């Protein structure tokens, strides 16, 4: 089997099929392959950085997560997308703040992938998402509440209830979805309805 350096070279072959095979084999090698992979995450060419991140995301390790978090600031949208997707596949609580900043990314796909990655982190992302859910930009609030809804974290219930009053239809929609997923929404509405009829 080729060593990590040879496989890292395959990532740069300009042949997507060969590169994907190399990603799988690097993942099989595990963390020992990161010595060959991580330098690609800082390469001059955006395509090389993309493939480096693609491979790093397949190797669960603190160093992989750190490289993915750094790449969230990359100048190329496609590289930021790869970084956010990688952090969804490899959730990292220390990356929560950096991912939350990307909810305001000018590239809509990067912002959505950051929301997915925050949802994957779970409860550790709550403080950052709470701040984002009060952002003045509706798109940021929407993606923050979307992440809270998708993570199905009981501690987020108060935040989801508060978002039911948001002026944005999308924010309210995701708040309702999140509450329903937690089994809270229908209980709340039935209680409200019961209280009204009793009065």
C-alpha atoms as a PDB file:
ATOM      1  CA  UNK A   1       0.000   0.000   0.000  1.00  0.00           C
ATOM      2  CA  UNK A   2       1.364   3.489  -0.827  1.00  0.00           C
ATOM      3  CA  UNK A   3       2.610   5.541   2.105  1.00  0.00           C
ATOM      4  CA  UNK A   4       0.955   8.786   3.254  1.00  0.00           C
ATOM      5  CA  UNK A   5       3.250  11.001   1.199  1.00  0.00           C
ATOM      6  CA  UNK A   6       2.451   9.105  -2.005  1.00  0.00           C
ATOM      7  CA  UNK A   7      -1.272   9.251  -1.244  1.00  0.00           C
ATOM      8  CA  UNK A   8      -1.087  12.988  -0.515  1.00  0.00           C
ATOM      9  CA  UNK A   9       0.475  13.372  -3.941  1.00  0.00           C
ATOM     10  CA  UNK A  10      -2.499  11.540  -5.440  1.00  0.00           C
ATOM     11  CA  UNK A  11      -4.767  14.228  -3.994  1.00  0.00           C
ATOM     12  CA  UNK A  12      -3.102  16.676  -6.376  1.00  0.00           C
ATOM     13  CA  UNK A  13      -3.414  14.467  -9.456  1.00  0.00           C
ATOM     14  CA  UNK A  14      -6.259  16.531 -10.989  1.00  0.00           C
ATOM     15  CA  UNK A  15      -8.109  13.216 -11.298  1.00  0.00           C
ATOM     16  CA  UNK A  16     -11.090  13.280  -8.950  1.00  0.00           C
ATOM     17  CA  UNK A  17     -11.468   9.513  -8.904  1.00  0.00           C
ATOM     18  CA  UNK A  18      -7.834   8.936  -7.946  1.00  0.00           C
ATOM     19  CA  UNK A  19      -8.026  11.685  -5.349  1.00  0.00           C
ATOM     20  CA  UNK A  20     -11.110  10.175  -3.699  1.00  0.00           C
ATOM     21  CA  UNK A  21      -9.393   6.786  -3.531  1.00  0.00           C
ATOM     22  CA  UNK A  22      -6.436   8.514  -1.879  1.00  0.00           C
ATOM     23  CA  UNK A  23      -8.767  10.140   0.662  1.00  0.00           C
ATOM     24  CA  UNK A  24     -10.123   6.724   1.653  1.00  0.00           C
ATOM     25  CA  UNK A  25      -6.679   5.214   1.986  1.00  0.00           C
ATOM     26  CA  UNK A  26      -5.400   8.153   4.017  1.00  0.00           C
ATOM     27  CA  UNK A  27      -8.395   7.738   6.331  1.00  0.00           C
ATOM     28  CA  UNK A  28      -7.427   4.081   6.770  1.00  0.00           C
ATOM     29  CA  UNK A  29      -3.929   5.137   7.812  1.00  0.00           C
ATOM     30  CA  UNK A  30      -5.441   7.367  10.491  1.00  0.00           C
ATOM     31  CA  UNK A  31      -3.726  10.211  12.363  1.00  0.00           C
ATOM     32  CA  UNK A  32      -0.274   9.133  11.220  1.00  0.00           C
ATOM     33  CA  UNK A  33      -1.235  10.382   7.739  1.00  0.00           C
ATOM     34  CA  UNK A  34      -1.750  13.946   8.954  1.00  0.00           C
ATOM     35  CA  UNK A  35       1.930  14.799   8.623  1.00  0.00           C
ATOM     36  CA  UNK A  36       1.465  14.507   4.864  1.00  0.00           C
ATOM     37  CA  UNK A  37      -2.064  15.914   4.711  1.00  0.00           C
ATOM     38  CA  UNK A  38      -1.990  19.029   6.893  1.00  0.00           C
ATOM     39  CA  UNK A  39       0.611  20.937   4.834  1.00  0.00           C
ATOM     40  CA  UNK A  40      -1.808  20.754   1.886  1.00  0.00           C
ATOM     41  CA  UNK A  41      -4.393  22.652   3.946  1.00  0.00           C
ATOM     42  CA  UNK A  42      -2.023  25.651   3.772  1.00  0.00           C
ATOM     43  CA  UNK A  43      -0.974  25.233   0.122  1.00  0.00           C
ATOM     44  CA  UNK A  44      -0.842  28.165  -2.272  1.00  0.00           C
ATOM     45  CA  UNK A  45      -3.406  26.764  -4.693  1.00  0.00           C
ATOM     46  CA  UNK A  46      -7.027  26.736  -3.539  1.00  0.00           C
ATOM     47  CA  UNK A  47      -7.680  23.333  -5.113  1.00  0.00           C
ATOM     48  CA  UNK A  48      -4.788  21.829  -3.143  1.00  0.00           C
ATOM     49  CA  UNK A  49      -6.126  23.353   0.076  1.00  0.00           C
ATOM     50  CA  UNK A  50      -9.573  21.949  -0.744  1.00  0.00           C
ATOM     51  CA  UNK A  51      -8.259  18.408  -1.154  1.00  0.00           C
ATOM     52  CA  UNK A  52      -6.093  18.728   1.951  1.00  0.00           C
ATOM     53  CA  UNK A  53      -9.162  19.674   3.970  1.00  0.00           C
ATOM     54  CA  UNK A  54     -11.203  16.940   2.318  1.00  0.00           C
ATOM     55  CA  UNK A  55      -8.651  14.391   3.495  1.00  0.00           C
ATOM     56  CA  UNK A  56      -8.212  15.955   6.939  1.00  0.00           C
ATOM     57  CA  UNK A  57     -11.972  15.796   7.508  1.00  0.00           C
ATOM     58  CA  UNK A  58     -11.836  12.029   7.021  1.00  0.00           C
ATOM     59  CA  UNK A  59      -9.233  11.609   9.792  1.00  0.00           C
ATOM     60  CA  UNK A  60     -10.739  12.296  13.235  1.00  0.00           C
ATOM     61  CA  UNK A  61      -8.088  14.092  15.262  1.00  0.00           C
ATOM     62  CA  UNK A  62      -7.695  17.348  17.186  1.00  0.00           C
ATOM     63  CA  UNK A  63      -5.150  18.550  14.600  1.00  0.00           C
ATOM     64  CA  UNK A  64      -7.615  17.936  11.773  1.00  0.00           C
ATOM     65  CA  UNK A  65     -10.304  19.935  13.556  1.00  0.00           C
ATOM     66  CA  UNK A  66      -7.878  22.783  14.175  1.00  0.00           C
ATOM     67  CA  UNK A  67      -6.873  22.910  10.508  1.00  0.00           C
ATOM     68  CA  UNK A  68     -10.524  22.925   9.457  1.00  0.00           C
ATOM     69  CA  UNK A  69     -11.301  25.768  11.861  1.00  0.00           C
ATOM     70  CA  UNK A  70      -8.420  27.861  10.524  1.00  0.00           C
ATOM     71  CA  UNK A  71      -9.617  27.270   6.955  1.00  0.00           C
ATOM     72  CA  UNK A  72     -12.985  28.852   7.778  1.00  0.00           C
ATOM     73  CA  UNK A  73     -11.186  32.159   7.210  1.00  0.00           C
ATOM     74  CA  UNK A  74      -9.878  31.178   3.768  1.00  0.00           C
ATOM     75  CA  UNK A  75     -10.302  33.732   0.981  1.00  0.00           C
ATOM     76  CA  UNK A  76     -11.836  31.124  -1.348  1.00  0.00           C
ATOM     77  CA  UNK A  77     -15.504  30.228  -0.797  1.00  0.00           C
ATOM     78  CA  UNK A  78     -14.997  26.635  -1.946  1.00  0.00           C
ATOM     79  CA  UNK A  79     -12.284  26.145   0.673  1.00  0.00           C
ATOM     80  CA  UNK A  80     -14.473  27.648   3.406  1.00  0.00           C
ATOM     81  CA  UNK A  81     -17.234  25.282   2.307  1.00  0.00           C
ATOM     82  CA  UNK A  82     -14.889  22.299   2.618  1.00  0.00           C
ATOM     83  CA  UNK A  83     -13.855  23.443   6.076  1.00  0.00           C
ATOM     84  CA  UNK A  84     -17.422  23.869   7.313  1.00  0.00           C
ATOM     85  CA  UNK A  85     -18.477  20.529   5.836  1.00  0.00           C
ATOM     86  CA  UNK A  86     -15.469  18.881   7.457  1.00  0.00           C
ATOM     87  CA  UNK A  87     -16.470  20.267  10.843  1.00  0.00           C
ATOM     88  CA  UNK A  88     -19.959  18.865  10.396  1.00  0.00           C
ATOM     89  CA  UNK A  89     -18.424  15.441   9.801  1.00  0.00           C
ATOM     90  CA  UNK A  90     -15.951  15.952  12.644  1.00  0.00           C
ATOM     91  CA  UNK A  91     -17.722  18.144  15.239  1.00  0.00           C
ATOM     92  CA  UNK A  92     -15.377  20.307  17.297  1.00  0.00           C
ATOM     93  CA  UNK A  93     -16.560  22.398  20.226  1.00  0.00           C
ATOM     94  CA  UNK A  94     -13.478  24.692  20.058  1.00  0.00           C
ATOM     95  CA  UNK A  95     -14.528  25.622  16.498  1.00  0.00           C
ATOM     96  CA  UNK A  96     -17.940  26.874  17.640  1.00  0.00           C
ATOM     97  CA  UNK A  97     -17.029  30.589  17.716  1.00  0.00           C
ATOM     98  CA  UNK A  98     -15.372  30.464  14.286  1.00  0.00           C
ATOM     99  CA  UNK A  99     -18.347  28.621  12.813  1.00  0.00           C
ATOM    100  CA  UNK A 100     -20.768  31.125  14.309  1.00  0.00           C
ATOM    101  CA  UNK A 101     -18.919  33.938  12.560  1.00  0.00           C
ATOM    102  CA  UNK A 102     -19.447  32.109   9.284  1.00  0.00           C
ATOM    103  CA  UNK A 103     -23.215  32.337   9.688  1.00  0.00           C
ATOM    104  CA  UNK A 104     -22.716  35.796   8.209  1.00  0.00           C
ATOM    105  CA  UNK A 105     -20.516  34.527   5.378  1.00  0.00           C
ATOM    106  CA  UNK A 106     -21.235  36.240   2.033  1.00  0.00           C
ATOM    107  CA  UNK A 107     -21.296  32.784   0.466  1.00  0.00           C
ATOM    108  CA  UNK A 108     -24.722  31.302   1.267  1.00  0.00           C
ATOM    109  CA  UNK A 109     -23.571  27.671   1.077  1.00  0.00           C
ATOM    110  CA  UNK A 110     -20.719  28.282   3.519  1.00  0.00           C
ATOM    111  CA  UNK A 111     -23.160  29.907   5.943  1.00  0.00           C
ATOM    112  CA  UNK A 112     -25.582  26.985   5.691  1.00  0.00           C
ATOM    113  CA  UNK A 113     -22.816  24.406   6.163  1.00  0.00           C
ATOM    114  CA  UNK A 114     -21.620  26.334   9.216  1.00  0.00           C
ATOM    115  CA  UNK A 115     -25.145  26.071  10.619  1.00  0.00           C
ATOM    116  CA  UNK A 116     -25.055  22.305  10.020  1.00  0.00           C
ATOM    117  CA  UNK A 117     -21.676  22.030  11.767  1.00  0.00           C
ATOM    118  CA  UNK A 118     -22.926  23.981  14.778  1.00  0.00           C
ATOM    119  CA  UNK A 119     -25.924  21.672  15.039  1.00  0.00           C
ATOM    120  CA  UNK A 120     -23.548  18.693  15.008  1.00  0.00           C
ATOM    121  CA  UNK A 121     -21.540  20.169  17.895  1.00  0.00           C
ATOM    122  CA  UNK A 122     -24.617  20.190  20.082  1.00  0.00           C
ATOM    123  CA  UNK A 123     -24.904  21.770  23.493  1.00  0.00           C
ATOM    124  CA  UNK A 124     -21.362  23.133  23.542  1.00  0.00           C
ATOM    125  CA  UNK A 125     -22.354  25.540  20.757  1.00  0.00           C
ATOM    126  CA  UNK A 126     -25.323  26.983  22.666  1.00  0.00           C
ATOM    127  CA  UNK A 127     -23.609  30.130  24.047  1.00  0.00           C
ATOM    128  CA  UNK A 128     -22.412  31.182  20.592  1.00  0.00           C
ATOM    129  CA  UNK A 129     -25.738  30.367  18.963  1.00  0.00           C
ATOM    130  CA  UNK A 130     -27.648  32.322  21.612  1.00  0.00           C
ATOM    131  CA  UNK A 131     -25.655  35.417  20.735  1.00  0.00           C
ATOM    132  CA  UNK A 132     -26.168  34.818  17.019  1.00  0.00           C
ATOM    133  CA  UNK A 133     -29.913  34.342  17.496  1.00  0.00           C
ATOM    134  CA  UNK A 134     -30.066  37.982  18.619  1.00  0.00           C
ATOM    135  CA  UNK A 135     -28.060  39.291  15.656  1.00  0.00           C
ATOM    136  CA  UNK A 136     -29.496  42.249  13.771  1.00  0.00           C
ATOM    137  CA  UNK A 137     -29.205  40.373  10.463  1.00  0.00           C
ATOM    138  CA  UNK A 138     -32.258  38.143   9.816  1.00  0.00           C
ATOM    139  CA  UNK A 139     -30.168  35.649   7.834  1.00  0.00           C
ATOM    140  CA  UNK A 140     -27.834  35.116  10.794  1.00  0.00           C
ATOM    141  CA  UNK A 141     -30.744  34.710  13.223  1.00  0.00           C
ATOM    142  CA  UNK A 142     -32.377  32.219  10.866  1.00  0.00           C
ATOM    143  CA  UNK A 143     -29.253  30.067  10.591  1.00  0.00           C
ATOM    144  CA  UNK A 144     -28.646  30.223  14.337  1.00  0.00           C
ATOM    145  CA  UNK A 145     -32.190  29.101  15.155  1.00  0.00           C
ATOM    146  CA  UNK A 146     -31.963  26.480  12.414  1.00  0.00           C
ATOM    147  CA  UNK A 147     -28.864  25.046  14.125  1.00  0.00           C
ATOM    148  CA  UNK A 148     -30.628  25.076  17.499  1.00  0.00           C
ATOM    149  CA  UNK A 149     -33.608  23.285  15.961  1.00  0.00           C
ATOM    150  CA  UNK A 150     -31.495  20.639  14.242  1.00  0.00           C
ATOM    151  CA  UNK A 151     -29.395  19.785  17.300  1.00  0.00           C
ATOM    152  CA  UNK A 152     -32.502  18.761  19.304  1.00  0.00           C
ATOM    153  CA  UNK A 153     -30.913  19.995  22.521  1.00  0.00           C
ATOM    154  CA  UNK A 154     -33.421  20.392  25.404  1.00  0.00           C
ATOM    155  CA  UNK A 155     -31.399  23.296  26.810  1.00  0.00           C
ATOM    156  CA  UNK A 156     -32.255  25.282  23.672  1.00  0.00           C
ATOM    157  CA  UNK A 157     -36.003  25.260  24.386  1.00  0.00           C
ATOM    158  CA  UNK A 158     -36.071  28.769  25.929  1.00  0.00           C
ATOM    159  CA  UNK A 159     -34.209  30.162  22.919  1.00  0.00           C
ATOM    160  CA  UNK A 160     -36.599  28.477  20.508  1.00  0.00           C
ATOM    161  CA  UNK A 161     -39.609  29.821  22.393  1.00  0.00           C
ATOM    162  CA  UNK A 162     -38.151  33.337  22.292  1.00  0.00           C
ATOM    163  CA  UNK A 163     -37.626  32.997  18.537  1.00  0.00           C
ATOM    164  CA  UNK A 164     -41.354  32.403  18.032  1.00  0.00           C
ATOM    165  CA  UNK A 165     -41.706  36.180  18.407  1.00  0.00           C
ATOM    166  CA  UNK A 166     -39.105  37.013  15.760  1.00  0.00           C
ATOM    167  CA  UNK A 167     -40.145  39.243  12.860  1.00  0.00           C
ATOM    168  CA  UNK A 168     -38.614  36.799  10.366  1.00  0.00           C
ATOM    169  CA  UNK A 169     -40.917  34.083   9.038  1.00  0.00           C
ATOM    170  CA  UNK A 170     -37.943  31.755   8.542  1.00  0.00           C
ATOM    171  CA  UNK A 171     -36.789  32.220  12.124  1.00  0.00           C
ATOM    172  CA  UNK A 172     -40.271  31.475  13.448  1.00  0.00           C
ATOM    173  CA  UNK A 173     -40.586  28.461  11.152  1.00  0.00           C
ATOM    174  CA  UNK A 174     -37.377  26.886  12.434  1.00  0.00           C
ATOM    175  CA  UNK A 175     -38.242  27.705  16.037  1.00  0.00           C
ATOM    176  CA  UNK A 176     -41.528  25.820  15.606  1.00  0.00           C
ATOM    177  CA  UNK A 177     -39.750  22.893  13.940  1.00  0.00           C
ATOM    178  CA  UNK A 178     -37.227  22.715  16.740  1.00  0.00           C
ATOM    179  CA  UNK A 179     -39.879  22.723  19.444  1.00  0.00           C
ATOM    180  CA  UNK A 180     -41.916  20.076  17.656  1.00  0.00           C
ATOM    181  CA  UNK A 181     -38.820  17.881  17.238  1.00  0.00           C
ATOM    182  CA  UNK A 182     -38.280  18.091  20.994  1.00  0.00           C
ATOM    183  CA  UNK A 183     -41.916  17.231  21.644  1.00  0.00           C
ATOM    184  CA  UNK A 184     -42.429  20.605  23.289  1.00  0.00           C
ATOM    185  CA  UNK A 185     -44.353  22.542  20.674  1.00  0.00           C
ATOM    186  CA  UNK A 186     -47.613  20.593  20.730  1.00  0.00           C
ATOM    187  CA  UNK A 187     -47.623  20.330  24.526  1.00  0.00           C
ATOM    188  CA  UNK A 188     -47.194  24.085  24.768  1.00  0.00           C
ATOM    189  CA  UNK A 189     -49.917  24.874  22.251  1.00  0.00           C
ATOM    190  CA  UNK A 190     -52.333  22.410  23.868  1.00  0.00           C
ATOM    191  CA  UNK A 191     -51.674  23.997  27.251  1.00  0.00           C
ATOM    192  CA  UNK A 192     -52.328  27.420  25.784  1.00  0.00           C
ATOM    193  CA  UNK A 193     -55.521  26.239  24.147  1.00  0.00           C
ATOM    194  CA  UNK A 194     -56.672  24.543  27.337  1.00  0.00           C
ATOM    195  CA  UNK A 195     -55.991  27.637  29.371  1.00  0.00           C
ATOM    196  CA  UNK A 196     -58.026  29.738  26.964  1.00  0.00           C
ATOM    197  CA  UNK A 197     -61.042  27.463  27.091  1.00  0.00           C
ATOM    198  CA  UNK A 198     -60.934  27.261  30.864  1.00  0.00           C
ATOM    199  CA  UNK A 199     -61.102  31.024  31.131  1.00  0.00           C
END
